[in-house]
N, C-alpha and C. Protein backbone atom coordinates (compact mmCIF):
# COMPACT_ATOMS: atom_id res chain seq x y z
N UNK A 1 7.76 13.63 7.04
CA UNK A 1 6.65 12.90 6.21
C UNK A 1 7.42 11.33 6.12
N UNK A 2 6.63 10.49 6.31
CA UNK A 2 6.76 9.06 6.19
C UNK A 2 6.53 8.32 5.48
N UNK A 3 6.90 7.05 5.14
CA UNK A 3 6.39 6.05 3.89
C UNK A 3 4.80 6.05 3.73
N UNK A 4 4.25 5.97 5.06
CA UNK A 4 2.86 5.85 5.02
C UNK A 4 2.05 6.95 4.33
N UNK A 5 2.74 7.88 4.76
CA UNK A 5 1.75 9.65 4.25
C UNK A 5 2.35 9.17 2.66
N UNK A 6 3.82 9.28 2.16
CA UNK A 6 4.16 9.29 0.98
C UNK A 6 3.04 8.34 -0.14
N UNK A 7 2.61 7.19 0.82
CA UNK A 7 2.17 5.91 0.13
C UNK A 7 0.45 6.52 -0.22
N UNK A 8 0.20 7.45 0.86
CA UNK A 8 -1.59 7.73 1.01
C UNK A 8 -1.64 8.63 -0.40
N UNK A 9 -0.37 9.71 -0.43
CA UNK A 9 -0.54 10.58 -1.22
C UNK A 9 -0.35 10.06 -2.91
N UNK A 10 0.43 9.23 -2.85
CA UNK A 10 0.53 8.14 -4.26
C UNK A 10 -0.77 7.48 -4.71
N UNK A 11 -1.24 6.92 -3.55
CA UNK A 11 -2.41 6.26 -3.99
C UNK A 11 -3.53 7.01 -4.64
N UNK A 12 -3.67 8.50 -3.46
CA UNK A 12 -4.77 9.30 -4.03
C UNK A 12 -4.35 10.02 -5.60
N UNK A 13 -3.27 10.09 -5.84
CA UNK A 13 -2.75 10.73 -7.21
C UNK A 13 -2.96 9.65 -8.32
N UNK A 14 -2.87 8.35 -8.06
CA UNK A 14 -3.00 7.37 -9.04
C UNK A 14 -4.22 7.03 -8.99
N UNK A 15 -5.17 7.14 -8.16
CA UNK A 15 -6.63 7.27 -8.34
C UNK A 15 -7.06 8.55 -9.11
N UNK A 16 -6.67 9.55 -8.92
CA UNK A 16 -6.93 10.61 -9.86
C UNK A 16 -6.50 10.34 -11.55
N UNK A 17 -5.57 10.04 -11.45
CA UNK A 17 -4.86 9.73 -12.93
C UNK A 17 -5.92 8.65 -13.75
N UNK A 18 -5.99 7.62 -12.97
CA UNK A 18 -6.95 6.86 -13.59
C UNK A 18 -8.19 7.20 -13.78
N UNK A 19 -8.92 8.13 -12.98
CA UNK A 19 -10.08 8.79 -13.32
C UNK A 19 -9.80 9.81 -14.61
N UNK A 20 -8.88 10.17 -14.66
CA UNK A 20 -8.57 11.56 -15.70
C UNK A 20 -8.35 10.97 -17.13
N UNK A 21 -7.71 9.71 -17.21
CA UNK A 21 -7.65 8.72 -18.11
C UNK A 21 -8.58 7.80 -18.44
N UNK A 22 -9.68 7.58 -17.70
CA UNK A 22 -10.64 6.55 -17.65
C UNK A 22 -10.16 5.44 -18.20
N UNK A 23 -8.94 5.02 -17.28
CA UNK A 23 -8.25 3.41 -17.73
C UNK A 23 -8.84 2.56 -16.79
N UNK A 24 -9.54 1.27 -17.07
CA UNK A 24 -9.71 0.42 -16.31
C UNK A 24 -8.51 -0.34 -15.60
N UNK A 25 -8.91 -0.71 -14.62
CA UNK A 25 -7.83 -1.63 -13.88
C UNK A 25 -7.09 -2.67 -14.57
N UNK A 26 -7.76 -3.31 -15.39
CA UNK A 26 -7.53 -4.50 -16.01
C UNK A 26 -6.67 -3.88 -17.38
N UNK A 27 -7.03 -2.71 -17.71
CA UNK A 27 -5.97 -2.08 -18.70
C UNK A 27 -4.75 -1.67 -18.28
N UNK A 28 -4.99 -1.00 -17.02
CA UNK A 28 -3.64 -0.60 -16.50
C UNK A 28 -2.75 -1.76 -16.27
N UNK A 29 -3.16 -2.71 -15.69
CA UNK A 29 -2.24 -4.04 -15.09
C UNK A 29 -1.94 -4.48 -16.71
N UNK A 30 -2.49 -4.54 -17.91
CA UNK A 30 -2.04 -5.00 -19.01
C UNK A 30 -0.59 -4.11 -19.63
N UNK A 31 -1.17 -2.60 -19.76
CA UNK A 31 -0.27 -1.67 -20.07
C UNK A 31 1.07 -1.69 -19.08
N UNK A 32 1.03 -1.70 -17.74
CA UNK A 32 2.15 -1.59 -17.31
C UNK A 32 2.95 -2.81 -16.59
N UNK A 33 2.25 -4.40 -16.92
CA UNK A 33 2.84 -5.43 -16.49
C UNK A 33 2.59 -5.56 -14.74
N UNK A 34 1.92 -4.72 -14.26
CA UNK A 34 1.66 -5.02 -12.91
C UNK A 34 0.59 -5.82 -12.79
N UNK A 35 0.91 -7.12 -11.95
CA UNK A 35 -0.33 -8.08 -12.07
C UNK A 35 -1.77 -7.46 -11.36
N UNK A 36 -2.70 -8.07 -12.14
CA UNK A 36 -4.26 -7.25 -11.59
C UNK A 36 -4.11 -7.55 -10.20
N UNK A 37 -4.11 -8.46 -9.60
CA UNK A 37 -4.29 -8.66 -8.01
C UNK A 37 -3.57 -7.89 -7.26
N UNK A 38 -2.22 -7.55 -7.76
CA UNK A 38 -1.35 -6.29 -7.07
C UNK A 38 -2.05 -5.16 -7.08
N UNK A 39 -2.25 -4.58 -8.17
CA UNK A 39 -3.30 -3.75 -8.74
C UNK A 39 -4.21 -2.97 -7.73
N UNK A 40 -5.27 -4.29 -7.68
CA UNK A 40 -6.62 -4.15 -6.75
C UNK A 40 -6.41 -3.63 -5.42
N UNK A 41 -4.96 -4.65 -4.98
CA UNK A 41 -4.42 -4.58 -3.57
C UNK A 41 -4.20 -3.29 -3.52
N UNK A 42 -3.33 -2.63 -4.26
CA UNK A 42 -2.69 -1.15 -4.28
C UNK A 42 -3.84 -0.20 -4.06
N UNK A 43 -4.66 -0.16 -4.76
CA UNK A 43 -5.99 0.71 -5.00
C UNK A 43 -6.87 0.29 -3.99
N UNK A 44 -7.00 -0.70 -3.43
CA UNK A 44 -7.85 -0.84 -2.38
C UNK A 44 -7.04 -0.48 -0.84
N UNK A 45 -6.19 -0.03 -1.22
CA UNK A 45 -4.85 0.68 -0.07
C UNK A 45 -4.60 -0.58 0.98
N UNK A 46 -4.80 -1.64 0.69
CA UNK A 46 -4.20 -2.99 1.68
C UNK A 46 -3.03 -2.99 1.58
N UNK A 47 -2.23 -2.53 0.61
CA UNK A 47 -0.52 -2.62 0.60
C UNK A 47 0.29 -1.27 -0.15
N UNK A 48 0.92 -1.05 0.53
CA UNK A 48 1.63 -0.03 -0.25
C UNK A 48 2.25 -0.19 -1.75
N UNK A 49 2.07 0.89 -2.73
CA UNK A 49 3.22 0.91 -3.58
C UNK A 49 4.48 0.84 -3.47
N UNK A 50 5.05 0.08 -4.47
CA UNK A 50 6.58 0.41 -4.35
C UNK A 50 7.02 1.31 -5.21
N UNK A 51 8.25 1.78 -5.23
CA UNK A 51 8.66 2.87 -5.79
C UNK A 51 8.73 2.43 -7.45
N UNK A 52 9.19 1.06 -7.54
CA UNK A 52 9.45 0.90 -9.02
C UNK A 52 7.47 0.66 -9.46
N UNK A 53 6.86 0.39 -9.00
CA UNK A 53 5.47 0.58 -9.47
C UNK A 53 5.12 1.72 -9.92
N UNK A 54 5.34 2.96 -8.77
CA UNK A 54 5.04 4.06 -8.85
C UNK A 54 5.77 4.85 -10.28
N UNK A 55 6.82 4.27 -10.61
CA UNK A 55 7.65 4.76 -11.95
C UNK A 55 7.07 3.88 -12.96
N UNK A 56 6.75 2.79 -12.87
CA UNK A 56 6.07 2.04 -14.07
C UNK A 56 4.83 2.84 -14.22
N UNK A 57 3.95 3.28 -13.61
CA UNK A 57 2.64 4.02 -13.52
C UNK A 57 3.01 5.20 -14.37
N UNK A 58 3.77 6.23 -13.62
CA UNK A 58 4.19 7.28 -14.24
C UNK A 58 4.89 7.32 -15.74
N UNK A 59 5.65 6.15 -15.84
CA UNK A 59 6.32 6.14 -17.44
C UNK A 59 4.92 5.71 -18.45
N UNK A 60 4.31 5.11 -17.92
CA UNK A 60 3.12 4.58 -18.41
C UNK A 60 2.16 5.82 -19.04
N UNK A 61 1.71 6.76 -18.04
CA UNK A 61 1.14 8.05 -18.50
C UNK A 61 2.01 8.82 -18.86
N UNK A 62 3.28 8.83 -18.89
CA UNK A 62 3.92 9.85 -19.79
C UNK A 62 4.40 11.09 -18.78
N UNK A 63 4.35 11.02 -17.43
CA UNK A 63 4.67 11.96 -16.52
C UNK A 63 5.61 11.70 -15.62
N UNK A 64 5.88 12.61 -14.85
CA UNK A 64 7.29 12.63 -13.74
C UNK A 64 6.77 11.55 -12.71
N UNK A 65 7.62 10.65 -12.43
CA UNK A 65 7.07 9.80 -11.15
C UNK A 65 7.11 10.83 -10.06
N UNK A 66 7.72 11.73 -9.73
CA UNK A 66 7.91 12.14 -8.69
C UNK A 66 6.68 13.12 -8.51
N UNK A 67 5.76 13.39 -9.53
CA UNK A 67 4.71 14.01 -9.31
C UNK A 67 3.86 13.10 -8.69
N UNK A 68 3.69 12.08 -8.67
CA UNK A 68 2.64 11.11 -8.16
C UNK A 68 2.81 10.91 -6.47
N UNK A 69 4.08 11.61 -5.99
CA UNK A 69 4.31 11.70 -4.58
C UNK A 69 4.12 13.15 -4.14
N UNK A 70 3.62 13.94 -4.75
CA UNK A 70 3.75 15.41 -4.50
C UNK A 70 2.27 15.54 -4.05
N UNK A 71 2.13 16.23 -2.86
CA UNK A 71 0.75 16.48 -2.33
C UNK A 71 0.20 17.51 -3.17
N UNK A 72 0.54 18.25 -4.02
CA UNK A 72 0.51 19.18 -4.94
C UNK A 72 -0.06 18.67 -6.35
N UNK A 73 -0.08 17.63 -6.70
CA UNK A 73 -0.08 16.73 -7.75
C UNK A 73 -1.66 17.10 -8.33
N UNK A 74 -1.70 17.63 -9.71
CA UNK A 74 -2.99 17.71 -10.42
C UNK A 74 -2.92 16.65 -11.72
N UNK A 75 -3.94 15.89 -11.86
CA UNK A 75 -4.00 14.69 -12.88
C UNK A 75 -4.38 15.72 -14.32
N UNK A 76 -5.23 16.62 -14.23
CA UNK A 76 -5.33 17.53 -15.40
C UNK A 76 -4.00 18.33 -15.72
N UNK A 77 -3.47 18.84 -14.70
CA UNK A 77 -2.18 19.59 -15.37
C UNK A 77 -0.89 18.72 -15.83
N UNK A 78 -0.99 17.52 -15.22
CA UNK A 78 -0.08 16.35 -15.70
C UNK A 78 -0.30 16.19 -16.94
N UNK A 79 -1.47 15.93 -17.32
CA UNK A 79 -1.97 15.52 -18.65
C UNK A 79 -1.91 16.74 -19.82
N UNK A 80 -2.05 17.78 -19.23
CA UNK A 80 -2.03 18.96 -19.97
C UNK A 80 -0.28 18.88 -20.49
N UNK A 81 0.16 19.04 -19.48
CA UNK A 81 1.99 19.10 -19.57
C UNK A 81 2.13 18.27 -20.63
N UNK A 82 2.15 16.88 -20.47
CA UNK A 82 2.46 15.77 -21.39
C UNK A 82 1.83 16.24 -22.58
N UNK A 83 0.70 16.82 -22.75
CA UNK A 83 0.32 17.07 -24.08
C UNK A 83 1.15 18.30 -24.83
N UNK A 84 1.48 19.14 -23.90
CA UNK A 84 2.56 20.28 -24.83
C UNK A 84 3.51 20.09 -25.16
N UNK A 85 4.23 18.70 -24.05
CA UNK A 85 5.45 18.16 -24.35
C UNK A 85 5.44 17.33 -25.67
N UNK A 86 4.35 16.60 -25.57
CA UNK A 86 4.29 15.63 -27.01
C UNK A 86 4.22 16.88 -28.17
N UNK A 87 3.71 17.60 -28.45
CA UNK A 87 3.55 18.54 -29.57
C UNK A 87 5.04 19.27 -29.55
N UNK A 88 5.62 19.50 -28.83
CA UNK A 88 6.92 19.92 -28.51
C UNK A 88 7.74 19.06 -29.45
N UNK A 89 7.76 17.93 -28.94
CA UNK A 89 8.55 17.09 -29.49
C UNK A 89 8.32 16.51 -30.75
N UNK A 90 7.07 16.45 -31.10
CA UNK A 90 6.66 16.17 -32.56
C UNK A 90 7.13 17.32 -33.51
N UNK A 91 7.73 18.45 -33.26
CA UNK A 91 8.09 19.36 -34.00
C UNK A 91 9.45 19.26 -35.14
């Protein structure tokens, strides 16, 4: 697998997370400190995500960054796992 393939997977998974969280591009930019113009270019797939950006996004959503690079990623499962982990941490 090459970098282009990984970026395509990451872009698809990031799109999936945005859809699952109903987060606007503007909100995502503000919450991650990734400039809006950069985020728009990444989402339009004009430029590849950096590993730092993938990690920032994962941290923002409270999920594992490696998950965003997985072809088997599920936003629904990632959010459910996060909920379970948060409930466990709050006990």
